[in-house]
Amino acid sequence: GEQPLQAAERELTEETGLKAALFTPVLEMQLSNSATDEISISYVATGLSHGPSSPEVDEKLEVKKIHFDELVDMVERGEIKDALSVATILRVHLLKAKGQLDRF
């Protein structure tokens, strides 16, 4: 019953300790429309502030600060292979190139 934006805010804080002043939706994607009706919504979070994280017990996370251009390079080199990550990074790259995502 959780709304997508609420889930994004909660996950960002739980996993990284970050809070965002603004979440901009950039991509809505069907994950496997032949097998499920699940939809993913990706956001760009801006106006970040730091706080404590609280990942789940079985999550082993390493948070790194990486310039966005390096993320695009990592996709191009095949180092990032997760479909949602690749799609979101390339979508944001396209929106930036078109001047449609000014705050990022």
C-alpha atoms as a PDB file:
ATOM      1  CA  GLY A   1       0.000   0.000   0.000  1.00  0.00           C
ATOM      2  CA  GLU A   2       3.019   2.329   0.036  1.00  0.00           C
ATOM      3  CA  GLN A   3       3.104   5.006  -2.667  1.00  0.00           C
ATOM      4  CA  PRO A   4       6.148   4.926  -5.024  1.00  0.00           C
ATOM      5  CA  LEU A   5       7.537   8.277  -3.858  1.00  0.00           C
ATOM      6  CA  GLN A   6       7.209   7.257  -0.197  1.00  0.00           C
ATOM      7  CA  ALA A   7       9.057   4.022  -0.969  1.00  0.00           C
ATOM      8  CA  ALA A   8      11.834   5.934  -2.765  1.00  0.00           C
ATOM      9  CA  GLU A   9      12.246   8.337   0.155  1.00  0.00           C
ATOM     10  CA  ARG A  10      12.320   5.482   2.679  1.00  0.00           C
ATOM     11  CA  GLU A  11      14.777   3.367   0.676  1.00  0.00           C
ATOM     12  CA  LEU A  12      17.150   6.291   0.109  1.00  0.00           C
ATOM     13  CA  THR A  13      17.296   7.037   3.817  1.00  0.00           C
ATOM     14  CA  GLU A  14      17.453   3.413   4.955  1.00  0.00           C
ATOM     15  CA  GLU A  15      20.228   2.408   2.582  1.00  0.00           C
ATOM     16  CA  THR A  16      22.338   5.577   2.431  1.00  0.00           C
ATOM     17  CA  GLY A  17      21.266   7.831   5.283  1.00  0.00           C
ATOM     18  CA  LEU A  18      20.507  10.563   2.753  1.00  0.00           C
ATOM     19  CA  LYS A  19      17.396  12.744   2.684  1.00  0.00           C
ATOM     20  CA  ALA A  20      16.406  14.688  -0.419  1.00  0.00           C
ATOM     21  CA  ALA A  21      14.628  18.016  -0.730  1.00  0.00           C
ATOM     22  CA  LEU A  22      13.286  17.039  -4.157  1.00  0.00           C
ATOM     23  CA  PHE A  23      12.555  13.800  -6.006  1.00  0.00           C
ATOM     24  CA  THR A  24      12.095  14.113  -9.774  1.00  0.00           C
ATOM     25  CA  PRO A  25      10.567  11.098 -11.549  1.00  0.00           C
ATOM     26  CA  VAL A  26      12.618  10.299 -14.651  1.00  0.00           C
ATOM     27  CA  LEU A  27      11.571   6.818 -15.787  1.00  0.00           C
ATOM     28  CA  GLU A  28       8.622   4.466 -15.465  1.00  0.00           C
ATOM     29  CA  MET A  29       9.377   0.985 -16.724  1.00  0.00           C
ATOM     30  CA  GLN A  30       7.565  -2.358 -16.962  1.00  0.00           C
ATOM     31  CA  LEU A  31       9.915  -4.957 -15.516  1.00  0.00           C
ATOM     32  CA  SER A  32       8.559  -7.975 -17.405  1.00  0.00           C
ATOM     33  CA  ASN A  33       5.202  -7.301 -18.995  1.00  0.00           C
ATOM     34  CA  SER A  34       4.899 -10.884 -20.246  1.00  0.00           C
ATOM     35  CA  ALA A  35       5.114 -12.338 -16.726  1.00  0.00           C
ATOM     36  CA  THR A  36       4.035  -9.618 -14.300  1.00  0.00           C
ATOM     37  CA  ASP A  37       2.360  -6.213 -14.102  1.00  0.00           C
ATOM     38  CA  GLU A  38       5.140  -4.831 -11.878  1.00  0.00           C
ATOM     39  CA  ILE A  39       6.249  -1.281 -12.696  1.00  0.00           C
ATOM     40  CA  SER A  40       9.383   0.486 -11.524  1.00  0.00           C
ATOM     41  CA  ILE A  41       9.611   4.250 -11.139  1.00  0.00           C
ATOM     42  CA  SER A  42      13.064   5.833 -10.998  1.00  0.00           C
ATOM     43  CA  TYR A  43      13.703   9.226  -9.435  1.00  0.00           C
ATOM     44  CA  VAL A  44      16.583  11.686  -9.300  1.00  0.00           C
ATOM     45  CA  ALA A  45      17.008  12.914  -5.739  1.00  0.00           C
ATOM     46  CA  THR A  46      18.477  16.405  -5.252  1.00  0.00           C
ATOM     47  CA  GLY A  47      19.074  18.745  -2.339  1.00  0.00           C
ATOM     48  CA  LEU A  48      20.677  15.947  -0.350  1.00  0.00           C
ATOM     49  CA  SER A  49      21.522  16.021   3.343  1.00  0.00           C
ATOM     50  CA  HIS A  50      23.333  13.351   5.351  1.00  0.00           C
ATOM     51  CA  GLY A  51      22.046  11.356   8.285  1.00  0.00           C
ATOM     52  CA  PRO A  52      22.307   7.843   9.705  1.00  0.00           C
ATOM     53  CA  SER A  53      21.487   4.848   7.519  1.00  0.00           C
ATOM     54  CA  SER A  54      19.637   1.760   8.696  1.00  0.00           C
ATOM     55  CA  PRO A  55      19.996  -1.020   6.120  1.00  0.00           C
ATOM     56  CA  GLU A  56      18.317  -4.351   6.734  1.00  0.00           C
ATOM     57  CA  VAL A  57      20.404  -6.947   8.579  1.00  0.00           C
ATOM     58  CA  ASP A  58      21.104  -8.998   5.444  1.00  0.00           C
ATOM     59  CA  GLU A  59      22.054  -5.967   3.308  1.00  0.00           C
ATOM     60  CA  LYS A  60      25.751  -5.320   2.872  1.00  0.00           C
ATOM     61  CA  LEU A  61      26.000  -1.926   1.229  1.00  0.00           C
ATOM     62  CA  GLU A  62      28.914   0.298   0.343  1.00  0.00           C
ATOM     63  CA  VAL A  63      27.933   3.875  -0.458  1.00  0.00           C
ATOM     64  CA  LYS A  64      30.260   5.703  -2.844  1.00  0.00           C
ATOM     65  CA  LYS A  65      30.092   9.208  -4.228  1.00  0.00           C
ATOM     66  CA  ILE A  66      30.627   9.006  -7.997  1.00  0.00           C
ATOM     67  CA  HIS A  67      30.305  11.826 -10.523  1.00  0.00           C
ATOM     68  CA  PHE A  68      27.370  11.198 -12.862  1.00  0.00           C
ATOM     69  CA  ASP A  69      29.596  11.269 -15.973  1.00  0.00           C
ATOM     70  CA  GLU A  70      31.598   8.386 -14.478  1.00  0.00           C
ATOM     71  CA  LEU A  71      28.360   6.403 -14.034  1.00  0.00           C
ATOM     72  CA  VAL A  72      27.620   6.869 -17.739  1.00  0.00           C
ATOM     73  CA  ASP A  73      31.166   5.701 -18.565  1.00  0.00           C
ATOM     74  CA  MET A  74      30.682   2.652 -16.314  1.00  0.00           C
ATOM     75  CA  VAL A  75      27.496   1.765 -18.228  1.00  0.00           C
ATOM     76  CA  GLU A  76      29.335   2.178 -21.541  1.00  0.00           C
ATOM     77  CA  ARG A  77      32.160  -0.106 -20.320  1.00  0.00           C
ATOM     78  CA  GLY A  78      29.635  -2.732 -19.188  1.00  0.00           C
ATOM     79  CA  GLU A  79      30.574  -2.378 -15.516  1.00  0.00           C
ATOM     80  CA  ILE A  80      27.004  -1.569 -14.497  1.00  0.00           C
ATOM     81  CA  LYS A  81      24.719  -4.353 -15.725  1.00  0.00           C
ATOM     82  CA  ASP A  82      21.569  -4.065 -13.625  1.00  0.00           C
ATOM     83  CA  ALA A  83      18.765  -3.306 -16.104  1.00  0.00           C
ATOM     84  CA  LEU A  84      17.013  -0.683 -13.957  1.00  0.00           C
ATOM     85  CA  SER A  85      20.274   1.090 -13.180  1.00  0.00           C
ATOM     86  CA  VAL A  86      21.355   1.096 -16.832  1.00  0.00           C
ATOM     87  CA  ALA A  87      17.963   2.346 -18.043  1.00  0.00           C
ATOM     88  CA  THR A  88      17.783   5.072 -15.391  1.00  0.00           C
ATOM     89  CA  ILE A  89      21.356   6.291 -15.923  1.00  0.00           C
ATOM     90  CA  LEU A  90      20.906   6.457 -19.704  1.00  0.00           C
ATOM     91  CA  ARG A  91      17.513   8.180 -19.347  1.00  0.00           C
ATOM     92  CA  VAL A  92      19.000  10.839 -17.045  1.00  0.00           C
ATOM     93  CA  HIS A  93      21.943  11.251 -19.425  1.00  0.00           C
ATOM     94  CA  LEU A  94      19.488  11.846 -22.295  1.00  0.00           C
ATOM     95  CA  LEU A  95      17.355  14.287 -20.280  1.00  0.00           C
ATOM     96  CA  LYS A  96      20.489  16.241 -19.303  1.00  0.00           C
ATOM     97  CA  ALA A  97      21.672  16.367 -22.925  1.00  0.00           C
ATOM     98  CA  LYS A  98      18.277  17.767 -23.969  1.00  0.00           C
ATOM     99  CA  GLY A  99      18.377  20.345 -21.168  1.00  0.00           C
ATOM    100  CA  GLN A 100      15.276  18.832 -19.571  1.00  0.00           C
ATOM    101  CA  LEU A 101      16.863  18.096 -16.209  1.00  0.00           C
ATOM    102  CA  ASP A 102      18.417  21.416 -15.251  1.00  0.00           C
ATOM    103  CA  ARG A 103      18.769  20.892 -11.501  1.00  0.00           C
ATOM    104  CA  PHE A 104      20.985  17.818 -11.858  1.00  0.00           C
END
